[in-house]
Amino acid sequence: MSITLRQEQLIAELDQDGLDTTAAMSVLATLRRTQELHELDVKRLLGELAK
């Protein structure tokens, strides 16, 4: 299970319990964007190494 998927599940549980998930959703969005940037950077570096 991916980290982001687990975080989504935990946030859903908090939401079902009626808790404010605004901050958690913001952190999750940051985590997703950071992961996306990391993956793009890895692809770029692999491309550089392949030259």
N, C-alpha and C. Protein backbone atom coordinates (compact mmCIF):
# COMPACT_ATOMS: atom_id res chain seq x y z
N MET A 1 0.85 -1.18 0.00
CA MET A 1 0.00 0.00 0.00
C MET A 1 0.90 1.24 0.00
N SER A 2 0.56 2.18 -0.87
CA SER A 2 1.37 3.39 -0.94
C SER A 2 1.11 4.29 0.26
N ILE A 3 2.06 5.14 0.53
CA ILE A 3 1.94 6.07 1.66
C ILE A 3 0.73 6.98 1.45
N THR A 4 0.58 7.49 0.22
CA THR A 4 -0.53 8.41 -0.02
C THR A 4 -1.88 7.72 0.11
N LEU A 5 -1.97 6.48 -0.33
CA LEU A 5 -3.23 5.74 -0.19
C LEU A 5 -3.58 5.56 1.28
N ARG A 6 -2.60 5.22 2.08
CA ARG A 6 -2.85 5.05 3.52
C ARG A 6 -3.29 6.37 4.15
N GLN A 7 -2.65 7.45 3.75
CA GLN A 7 -3.02 8.75 4.29
C GLN A 7 -4.45 9.12 3.90
N GLU A 8 -4.82 8.80 2.66
CA GLU A 8 -6.20 9.05 2.21
C GLU A 8 -7.19 8.29 3.09
N GLN A 9 -6.87 7.05 3.40
CA GLN A 9 -7.74 6.24 4.25
C GLN A 9 -7.87 6.83 5.65
N LEU A 10 -6.75 7.26 6.20
CA LEU A 10 -6.79 7.85 7.54
C LEU A 10 -7.60 9.13 7.56
N ILE A 11 -7.42 9.95 6.53
CA ILE A 11 -8.18 11.20 6.44
C ILE A 11 -9.67 10.90 6.29
N ALA A 12 -10.01 9.89 5.51
CA ALA A 12 -11.42 9.51 5.35
C ALA A 12 -12.01 9.08 6.70
N GLU A 13 -11.23 8.36 7.49
CA GLU A 13 -11.70 7.95 8.82
C GLU A 13 -11.94 9.16 9.71
N LEU A 14 -11.01 10.10 9.67
CA LEU A 14 -11.18 11.32 10.46
C LEU A 14 -12.43 12.07 10.02
N ASP A 15 -12.63 12.15 8.72
CA ASP A 15 -13.79 12.84 8.18
C ASP A 15 -15.09 12.16 8.61
N GLN A 16 -15.09 10.83 8.57
CA GLN A 16 -16.27 10.07 8.99
C GLN A 16 -16.59 10.30 10.47
N ASP A 17 -15.54 10.56 11.24
CA ASP A 17 -15.73 10.83 12.67
C ASP A 17 -16.13 12.27 12.93
N GLY A 18 -16.27 13.04 11.84
CA GLY A 18 -16.71 14.42 11.98
C GLY A 18 -15.61 15.41 12.32
N LEU A 19 -14.38 15.01 12.16
CA LEU A 19 -13.26 15.89 12.49
C LEU A 19 -12.87 16.74 11.29
N ASP A 20 -12.26 17.87 11.57
CA ASP A 20 -11.81 18.78 10.53
C ASP A 20 -10.56 18.20 9.87
N THR A 21 -10.65 17.98 8.58
CA THR A 21 -9.53 17.37 7.84
C THR A 21 -8.84 18.37 6.91
N THR A 22 -9.13 19.64 7.09
CA THR A 22 -8.58 20.66 6.20
C THR A 22 -7.05 20.63 6.18
N ALA A 23 -6.43 20.64 7.33
CA ALA A 23 -4.97 20.63 7.41
C ALA A 23 -4.40 19.32 6.85
N ALA A 24 -5.04 18.22 7.17
CA ALA A 24 -4.57 16.92 6.68
C ALA A 24 -4.65 16.85 5.16
N MET A 25 -5.71 17.38 4.60
CA MET A 25 -5.85 17.39 3.14
C MET A 25 -4.78 18.27 2.50
N SER A 26 -4.44 19.36 3.15
CA SER A 26 -3.40 20.24 2.64
C SER A 26 -2.04 19.55 2.65
N VAL A 27 -1.76 18.86 3.73
CA VAL A 27 -0.49 18.12 3.83
C VAL A 27 -0.46 17.01 2.79
N LEU A 28 -1.56 16.33 2.59
CA LEU A 28 -1.63 15.27 1.60
C LEU A 28 -1.39 15.82 0.19
N ALA A 29 -1.95 16.96 -0.10
CA ALA A 29 -1.74 17.58 -1.41
C ALA A 29 -0.26 17.91 -1.60
N THR A 30 0.38 18.39 -0.55
CA THR A 30 1.81 18.68 -0.61
C THR A 30 2.61 17.39 -0.81
N LEU A 31 2.23 16.34 -0.12
CA LEU A 31 2.90 15.05 -0.27
C LEU A 31 2.77 14.53 -1.70
N ARG A 32 1.58 14.63 -2.26
CA ARG A 32 1.37 14.18 -3.64
C ARG A 32 2.23 14.98 -4.62
N ARG A 33 2.26 16.29 -4.45
CA ARG A 33 3.03 17.15 -5.36
C ARG A 33 4.52 16.87 -5.22
N THR A 34 4.98 16.69 -4.00
CA THR A 34 6.39 16.38 -3.77
C THR A 34 6.76 15.05 -4.42
N GLN A 35 5.89 14.06 -4.30
CA GLN A 35 6.13 12.76 -4.92
C GLN A 35 6.18 12.89 -6.43
N GLU A 36 5.26 13.68 -6.99
CA GLU A 36 5.22 13.89 -8.43
C GLU A 36 6.52 14.54 -8.92
N LEU A 37 6.98 15.55 -8.20
CA LEU A 37 8.23 16.21 -8.57
C LEU A 37 9.43 15.27 -8.46
N HIS A 38 9.42 14.46 -7.43
CA HIS A 38 10.50 13.48 -7.24
C HIS A 38 10.54 12.50 -8.42
N GLU A 39 9.38 11.98 -8.80
CA GLU A 39 9.32 11.03 -9.90
C GLU A 39 9.78 11.66 -11.22
N LEU A 40 9.39 12.91 -11.45
CA LEU A 40 9.85 13.61 -12.64
C LEU A 40 11.37 13.81 -12.62
N ASP A 41 11.90 14.12 -11.46
CA ASP A 41 13.34 14.32 -11.33
C ASP A 41 14.10 13.01 -11.57
N VAL A 42 13.58 11.91 -11.06
CA VAL A 42 14.22 10.60 -11.27
C VAL A 42 14.24 10.29 -12.78
N LYS A 43 13.13 10.52 -13.45
CA LYS A 43 13.09 10.28 -14.91
C LYS A 43 14.09 11.14 -15.64
N ARG A 44 14.19 12.40 -15.22
CA ARG A 44 15.14 13.31 -15.86
C ARG A 44 16.57 12.83 -15.65
N LEU A 45 16.88 12.43 -14.42
CA LEU A 45 18.24 11.96 -14.13
C LEU A 45 18.57 10.67 -14.87
N LEU A 46 17.59 9.76 -14.95
CA LEU A 46 17.83 8.53 -15.70
C LEU A 46 18.07 8.82 -17.17
N GLY A 47 17.36 9.82 -17.69
CA GLY A 47 17.58 10.22 -19.07
C GLY A 47 18.98 10.79 -19.28
N GLU A 48 19.43 11.55 -18.31
CA GLU A 48 20.79 12.10 -18.39
C GLU A 48 21.84 11.00 -18.35
N LEU A 49 21.62 10.01 -17.50
CA LEU A 49 22.57 8.91 -17.37
C LEU A 49 22.60 8.04 -18.63
N ALA A 50 21.48 7.99 -19.32
CA ALA A 50 21.39 7.15 -20.52
C ALA A 50 22.11 7.76 -21.72
N LYS A 51 22.48 9.02 -21.63
CA LYS A 51 23.14 9.68 -22.75
C LYS A 51 24.56 9.19 -22.93
